[in-house]
Amino acid sequence: MTHRKGEVSKHHFRSDRFFCVDSQWFFTTRESSELGPFSSRADAQGELLLYIRHMNEGGVFCQDTS
């Protein structure tokens, strides 16, 4: 079994990244950020894919604090 980039251990404890609060969808990242809200789970899934691609390309994630 291979492991994800940046993981030393092959023991994985993963849970669903997506959650819904008051009909708005969010996802969590490996860095423990919660991103959202999105209007649907499908929108959150699409944004997660974009986030992962950006991070894999060496991008730096900056969360808006305003």
PDB file of N, CA and C in Angstrom:
ATOM      1  N   MET A   1       0.849  -1.181   0.000  1.00  0.00           N
ATOM      2  CA  MET A   1       0.000   0.000   0.000  1.00  0.00           C
ATOM      3  C   MET A   1       0.891   1.240   0.000  1.00  0.00           C
ATOM      4  N   THR A   2       0.606   2.172  -0.880  1.00  0.00           N
ATOM      5  CA  THR A   2       1.366   3.411  -0.911  1.00  0.00           C
ATOM      6  C   THR A   2       0.678   4.444  -0.039  1.00  0.00           C
ATOM      7  N   HIS A   3       1.405   5.471   0.308  1.00  0.00           N
ATOM      8  CA  HIS A   3       0.825   6.517   1.132  1.00  0.00           C
ATOM      9  C   HIS A   3       0.874   7.848   0.396  1.00  0.00           C
ATOM     10  N   ARG A   4       0.100   8.788   0.878  1.00  0.00           N
ATOM     11  CA  ARG A   4       0.026  10.092   0.250  1.00  0.00           C
ATOM     12  C   ARG A   4       1.323  10.863   0.451  1.00  0.00           C
ATOM     13  N   LYS A   5       1.587  11.756  -0.477  1.00  0.00           N
ATOM     14  CA  LYS A   5       2.755  12.623  -0.376  1.00  0.00           C
ATOM     15  C   LYS A   5       2.723  13.371   0.958  1.00  0.00           C
ATOM     16  N   GLY A   6       3.844  13.337   1.675  1.00  0.00           N
ATOM     17  CA  GLY A   6       3.929  14.034   2.943  1.00  0.00           C
ATOM     18  C   GLY A   6       3.546  13.189   4.145  1.00  0.00           C
ATOM     19  N   GLU A   7       3.060  11.978   3.924  1.00  0.00           N
ATOM     20  CA  GLU A   7       2.686  11.099   5.030  1.00  0.00           C
ATOM     21  C   GLU A   7       3.763  10.051   5.232  1.00  0.00           C
ATOM     22  N   VAL A   8       4.217   9.902   6.445  1.00  0.00           N
ATOM     23  CA  VAL A   8       5.223   8.914   6.765  1.00  0.00           C
ATOM     24  C   VAL A   8       4.552   7.580   7.090  1.00  0.00           C
ATOM     25  N   SER A   9       3.530   7.624   7.893  1.00  0.00           N
ATOM     26  CA  SER A   9       2.840   6.426   8.342  1.00  0.00           C
ATOM     27  C   SER A   9       1.914   5.885   7.263  1.00  0.00           C
ATOM     28  N   LYS A  10       1.752   4.584   7.254  1.00  0.00           N
ATOM     29  CA  LYS A  10       0.797   3.967   6.349  1.00  0.00           C
ATOM     30  C   LYS A  10      -0.525   3.679   7.051  1.00  0.00           C
ATOM     31  N   HIS A  11      -0.679   4.168   8.275  1.00  0.00           N
ATOM     32  CA  HIS A  11      -1.924   4.018   9.011  1.00  0.00           C
ATOM     33  C   HIS A  11      -2.767   5.256   8.759  1.00  0.00           C
ATOM     34  N   HIS A  12      -3.879   5.072   8.103  1.00  0.00           N
ATOM     35  CA  HIS A  12      -4.711   6.212   7.717  1.00  0.00           C
ATOM     36  C   HIS A  12      -6.011   6.199   8.515  1.00  0.00           C
ATOM     37  N   PHE A  13      -6.345   7.332   9.043  1.00  0.00           N
ATOM     38  CA  PHE A  13      -7.607   7.502   9.749  1.00  0.00           C
ATOM     39  C   PHE A  13      -8.303   8.683   9.097  1.00  0.00           C
ATOM     40  N   ARG A  14      -9.095   8.402   8.096  1.00  0.00           N
ATOM     41  CA  ARG A  14      -9.742   9.461   7.338  1.00  0.00           C
ATOM     42  C   ARG A  14     -11.236   9.429   7.594  1.00  0.00           C
ATOM     43  N   SER A  15     -11.826  10.587   7.525  1.00  0.00           N
ATOM     44  CA  SER A  15     -13.269  10.678   7.635  1.00  0.00           C
ATOM     45  C   SER A  15     -13.757  11.541   6.487  1.00  0.00           C
ATOM     46  N   ASP A  16     -15.036  11.651   6.367  1.00  0.00           N
ATOM     47  CA  ASP A  16     -15.622  12.443   5.306  1.00  0.00           C
ATOM     48  C   ASP A  16     -15.182  13.893   5.437  1.00  0.00           C
ATOM     49  N   ARG A  17     -14.730  14.471   4.356  1.00  0.00           N
ATOM     50  CA  ARG A  17     -14.264  15.863   4.365  1.00  0.00           C
ATOM     51  C   ARG A  17     -15.411  16.854   4.300  1.00  0.00           C
ATOM     52  N   PHE A  18     -16.592  16.414   3.960  1.00  0.00           N
ATOM     53  CA  PHE A  18     -17.704  17.315   3.693  1.00  0.00           C
ATOM     54  C   PHE A  18     -18.702  17.299   4.838  1.00  0.00           C
ATOM     55  N   PHE A  19     -19.235  18.470   5.143  1.00  0.00           N
ATOM     56  CA  PHE A  19     -20.283  18.547   6.150  1.00  0.00           C
ATOM     57  C   PHE A  19     -21.205  19.709   5.819  1.00  0.00           C
ATOM     58  N   CYS A  20     -22.425  19.604   6.324  1.00  0.00           N
ATOM     59  CA  CYS A  20     -23.468  20.575   6.019  1.00  0.00           C
ATOM     60  C   CYS A  20     -23.949  21.222   7.313  1.00  0.00           C
ATOM     61  N   VAL A  21     -24.048  22.562   7.298  1.00  0.00           N
ATOM     62  CA  VAL A  21     -24.558  23.326   8.427  1.00  0.00           C
ATOM     63  C   VAL A  21     -25.561  24.330   7.879  1.00  0.00           C
ATOM     64  N   ASP A  22     -26.798  24.249   8.356  1.00  0.00           N
ATOM     65  CA  ASP A  22     -27.862  25.161   7.908  1.00  0.00           C
ATOM     66  C   ASP A  22     -27.958  25.232   6.388  1.00  0.00           C
ATOM     67  N   SER A  23     -27.945  24.082   5.735  1.00  0.00           N
ATOM     68  CA  SER A  23     -28.082  23.950   4.279  1.00  0.00           C
ATOM     69  C   SER A  23     -26.901  24.521   3.500  1.00  0.00           C
ATOM     70  N   GLN A  24     -25.786  24.778   4.155  1.00  0.00           N
ATOM     71  CA  GLN A  24     -24.583  25.244   3.473  1.00  0.00           C
ATOM     72  C   GLN A  24     -23.488  24.207   3.664  1.00  0.00           C
ATOM     73  N   TRP A  25     -22.742  23.940   2.594  1.00  0.00           N
ATOM     74  CA  TRP A  25     -21.744  22.876   2.597  1.00  0.00           C
ATOM     75  C   TRP A  25     -20.338  23.427   2.791  1.00  0.00           C
ATOM     76  N   PHE A  26     -19.520  22.646   3.492  1.00  0.00           N
ATOM     77  CA  PHE A  26     -18.135  22.982   3.784  1.00  0.00           C
ATOM     78  C   PHE A  26     -17.283  21.738   3.560  1.00  0.00           C
ATOM     79  N   PHE A  27     -15.956  21.954   3.443  1.00  0.00           N
ATOM     80  CA  PHE A  27     -15.044  20.818   3.467  1.00  0.00           C
ATOM     81  C   PHE A  27     -13.842  21.165   4.326  1.00  0.00           C
ATOM     82  N   THR A  28     -13.198  20.124   4.845  1.00  0.00           N
ATOM     83  CA  THR A  28     -11.995  20.311   5.645  1.00  0.00           C
ATOM     84  C   THR A  28     -10.782  19.865   4.835  1.00  0.00           C
ATOM     85  N   THR A  29      -9.636  20.477   5.141  1.00  0.00           N
ATOM     86  CA  THR A  29      -8.402  20.146   4.452  1.00  0.00           C
ATOM     87  C   THR A  29      -7.487  19.365   5.382  1.00  0.00           C
ATOM     88  N   ARG A  30      -6.406  18.824   4.833  1.00  0.00           N
ATOM     89  CA  ARG A  30      -5.398  18.126   5.653  1.00  0.00           C
ATOM     90  C   ARG A  30      -4.780  19.071   6.667  1.00  0.00           C
ATOM     91  N   GLU A  31      -4.805  20.356   6.346  1.00  0.00           N
ATOM     92  CA  GLU A  31      -4.223  21.368   7.225  1.00  0.00           C
ATOM     93  C   GLU A  31      -5.209  21.827   8.292  1.00  0.00           C
ATOM     94  N   SER A  32      -6.336  21.159   8.374  1.00  0.00           N
ATOM     95  CA  SER A  32      -7.396  21.434   9.349  1.00  0.00           C
ATOM     96  C   SER A  32      -8.131  22.750   9.119  1.00  0.00           C
ATOM     97  N   SER A  33      -8.116  23.239   7.900  1.00  0.00           N
ATOM     98  CA  SER A  33      -8.926  24.409   7.558  1.00  0.00           C
ATOM     99  C   SER A  33     -10.316  23.943   7.160  1.00  0.00           C
ATOM    100  N   GLU A  34     -11.306  24.748   7.445  1.00  0.00           N
ATOM    101  CA  GLU A  34     -12.669  24.489   7.000  1.00  0.00           C
ATOM    102  C   GLU A  34     -13.009  25.550   5.969  1.00  0.00           C
ATOM    103  N   LEU A  35     -13.328  25.109   4.754  1.00  0.00           N
ATOM    104  CA  LEU A  35     -13.604  26.041   3.668  1.00  0.00           C
ATOM    105  C   LEU A  35     -15.054  25.952   3.249  1.00  0.00           C
ATOM    106  N   GLY A  36     -15.635  27.085   2.943  1.00  0.00           N
ATOM    107  CA  GLY A  36     -17.023  27.173   2.544  1.00  0.00           C
ATOM    108  C   GLY A  36     -17.561  28.503   3.000  1.00  0.00           C
ATOM    109  N   PRO A  37     -18.790  28.758   2.901  1.00  0.00           N
ATOM    110  CA  PRO A  37     -19.856  27.810   2.540  1.00  0.00           C
ATOM    111  C   PRO A  37     -20.044  27.711   1.026  1.00  0.00           C
ATOM    112  N   PHE A  38     -20.608  26.579   0.625  1.00  0.00           N
ATOM    113  CA  PHE A  38     -20.977  26.312  -0.757  1.00  0.00           C
ATOM    114  C   PHE A  38     -22.454  25.935  -0.768  1.00  0.00           C
ATOM    115  N   SER A  39     -23.106  26.196  -1.881  1.00  0.00           N
ATOM    116  CA  SER A  39     -24.556  25.983  -1.948  1.00  0.00           C
ATOM    117  C   SER A  39     -24.951  24.518  -2.051  1.00  0.00           C
ATOM    118  N   SER A  40     -24.019  23.655  -2.459  1.00  0.00           N
ATOM    119  CA  SER A  40     -24.337  22.227  -2.565  1.00  0.00           C
ATOM    120  C   SER A  40     -23.087  21.404  -2.292  1.00  0.00           C
ATOM    121  N   ARG A  41     -23.296  20.137  -2.024  1.00  0.00           N
ATOM    122  CA  ARG A  41     -22.163  19.230  -1.824  1.00  0.00           C
ATOM    123  C   ARG A  41     -21.341  19.137  -3.102  1.00  0.00           C
ATOM    124  N   ALA A  42     -22.007  19.122  -4.239  1.00  0.00           N
ATOM    125  CA  ALA A  42     -21.300  19.048  -5.523  1.00  0.00           C
ATOM    126  C   ALA A  42     -20.387  20.261  -5.704  1.00  0.00           C
ATOM    127  N   ASP A  43     -20.846  21.442  -5.330  1.00  0.00           N
ATOM    128  CA  ASP A  43     -20.005  22.641  -5.411  1.00  0.00           C
ATOM    129  C   ASP A  43     -18.798  22.507  -4.480  1.00  0.00           C
ATOM    130  N   ALA A  44     -19.021  22.010  -3.273  1.00  0.00           N
ATOM    131  CA  ALA A  44     -17.920  21.822  -2.321  1.00  0.00           C
ATOM    132  C   ALA A  44     -16.914  20.804  -2.859  1.00  0.00           C
ATOM    133  N   GLN A  45     -17.401  19.728  -3.484  1.00  0.00           N
ATOM    134  CA  GLN A  45     -16.508  18.723  -4.048  1.00  0.00           C
ATOM    135  C   GLN A  45     -15.668  19.311  -5.173  1.00  0.00           C
ATOM    136  N   GLY A  46     -16.287  20.125  -6.011  1.00  0.00           N
ATOM    137  CA  GLY A  46     -15.551  20.768  -7.095  1.00  0.00           C
ATOM    138  C   GLY A  46     -14.478  21.708  -6.572  1.00  0.00           C
ATOM    139  N   GLU A  47     -14.816  22.469  -5.561  1.00  0.00           N
ATOM    140  CA  GLU A  47     -13.840  23.391  -4.964  1.00  0.00           C
ATOM    141  C   GLU A  47     -12.708  22.638  -4.277  1.00  0.00           C
ATOM    142  N   LEU A  48     -13.023  21.489  -3.673  1.00  0.00           N
ATOM    143  CA  LEU A  48     -11.978  20.679  -3.056  1.00  0.00           C
ATOM    144  C   LEU A  48     -11.001  20.181  -4.117  1.00  0.00           C
ATOM    145  N   LEU A  49     -11.506  19.741  -5.251  1.00  0.00           N
ATOM    146  CA  LEU A  49     -10.619  19.286  -6.327  1.00  0.00           C
ATOM    147  C   LEU A  49      -9.703  20.407  -6.796  1.00  0.00           C
ATOM    148  N   LEU A  50     -10.245  21.617  -6.932  1.00  0.00           N
ATOM    149  CA  LEU A  50      -9.424  22.766  -7.318  1.00  0.00           C
ATOM    150  C   LEU A  50      -8.375  23.065  -6.249  1.00  0.00           C
ATOM    151  N   TYR A  51      -8.779  22.996  -4.988  1.00  0.00           N
ATOM    152  CA  TYR A  51      -7.861  23.240  -3.875  1.00  0.00           C
ATOM    153  C   TYR A  51      -6.711  22.230  -3.895  1.00  0.00           C
ATOM    154  N   ILE A  52      -7.034  20.953  -4.063  1.00  0.00           N
ATOM    155  CA  ILE A  52      -6.012  19.906  -4.081  1.00  0.00           C
ATOM    156  C   ILE A  52      -5.061  20.114  -5.251  1.00  0.00           C
ATOM    157  N   ARG A  53      -5.596  20.413  -6.424  1.00  0.00           N
ATOM    158  CA  ARG A  53      -4.746  20.651  -7.592  1.00  0.00           C
ATOM    159  C   ARG A  53      -3.803  21.827  -7.334  1.00  0.00           C
ATOM    160  N   HIS A  54      -4.339  22.892  -6.770  1.00  0.00           N
ATOM    161  CA  HIS A  54      -3.534  24.076  -6.467  1.00  0.00           C
ATOM    162  C   HIS A  54      -2.409  23.722  -5.488  1.00  0.00           C
ATOM    163  N   MET A  55      -2.723  22.984  -4.439  1.00  0.00           N
ATOM    164  CA  MET A  55      -1.722  22.614  -3.444  1.00  0.00           C
ATOM    165  C   MET A  55      -0.673  21.671  -4.038  1.00  0.00           C
ATOM    166  N   ASN A  56      -1.087  20.745  -4.902  1.00  0.00           N
ATOM    167  CA  ASN A  56      -0.147  19.821  -5.536  1.00  0.00           C
ATOM    168  C   ASN A  56       0.794  20.532  -6.494  1.00  0.00           C
ATOM    169  N   GLU A  57       0.389  21.686  -7.007  1.00  0.00           N
ATOM    170  CA  GLU A  57       1.231  22.467  -7.907  1.00  0.00           C
ATOM    171  C   GLU A  57       2.152  23.405  -7.136  1.00  0.00           C
ATOM    172  N   GLY A  58       2.184  23.261  -5.822  1.00  0.00           N
ATOM    173  CA  GLY A  58       3.081  24.061  -5.004  1.00  0.00           C
ATOM    174  C   GLY A  58       2.461  25.351  -4.517  1.00  0.00           C
ATOM    175  N   GLY A  59       1.168  25.487  -4.666  1.00  0.00           N
ATOM    176  CA  GLY A  59       0.481  26.695  -4.242  1.00  0.00           C
ATOM    177  C   GLY A  59       0.465  26.841  -2.735  1.00  0.00           C
ATOM    178  N   VAL A  60       0.352  28.056  -2.317  1.00  0.00           N
ATOM    179  CA  VAL A  60       0.241  28.359  -0.897  1.00  0.00           C
ATOM    180  C   VAL A  60      -1.171  28.820  -0.653  1.00  0.00           C
ATOM    181  N   PHE A  61      -1.804  28.243   0.341  1.00  0.00           N
ATOM    182  CA  PHE A  61      -3.177  28.584   0.646  1.00  0.00           C
ATOM    183  C   PHE A  61      -3.213  29.700   1.670  1.00  0.00           C
ATOM    184  N   CYS A  62      -3.906  30.758   1.344  1.00  0.00           N
ATOM    185  CA  CYS A  62      -4.084  31.882   2.272  1.00  0.00           C
ATOM    186  C   CYS A  62      -5.575  32.024   2.528  1.00  0.00           C
ATOM    187  N   GLN A  63      -5.970  31.849   3.750  1.00  0.00           N
ATOM    188  CA  GLN A  63      -7.385  31.951   4.101  1.00  0.00           C
ATOM    189  C   GLN A  63      -7.744  33.402   4.366  1.00  0.00           C
ATOM    190  N   ASP A  64      -8.840  33.859   3.783  1.00  0.00           N
ATOM    191  CA  ASP A  64      -9.320  35.226   3.956  1.00  0.00           C
ATOM    192  C   ASP A  64      -9.792  35.394   5.396  1.00  0.00           C
ATOM    193  N   THR A  65      -9.247  36.370   6.090  1.00  0.00           N
ATOM    194  CA  THR A  65      -9.603  36.582   7.483  1.00  0.00           C
ATOM    195  C   THR A  65     -10.504  37.794   7.678  1.00  0.00           C
ATOM    196  N   SER A  66     -11.006  38.359   6.575  1.00  0.00           N
ATOM    197  CA  SER A  66     -11.870  39.556   6.706  1.00  0.00           C
ATOM    198  C   SER A  66     -13.284  39.196   7.031  1.00  0.00           C
TER     199      SER A  66
END
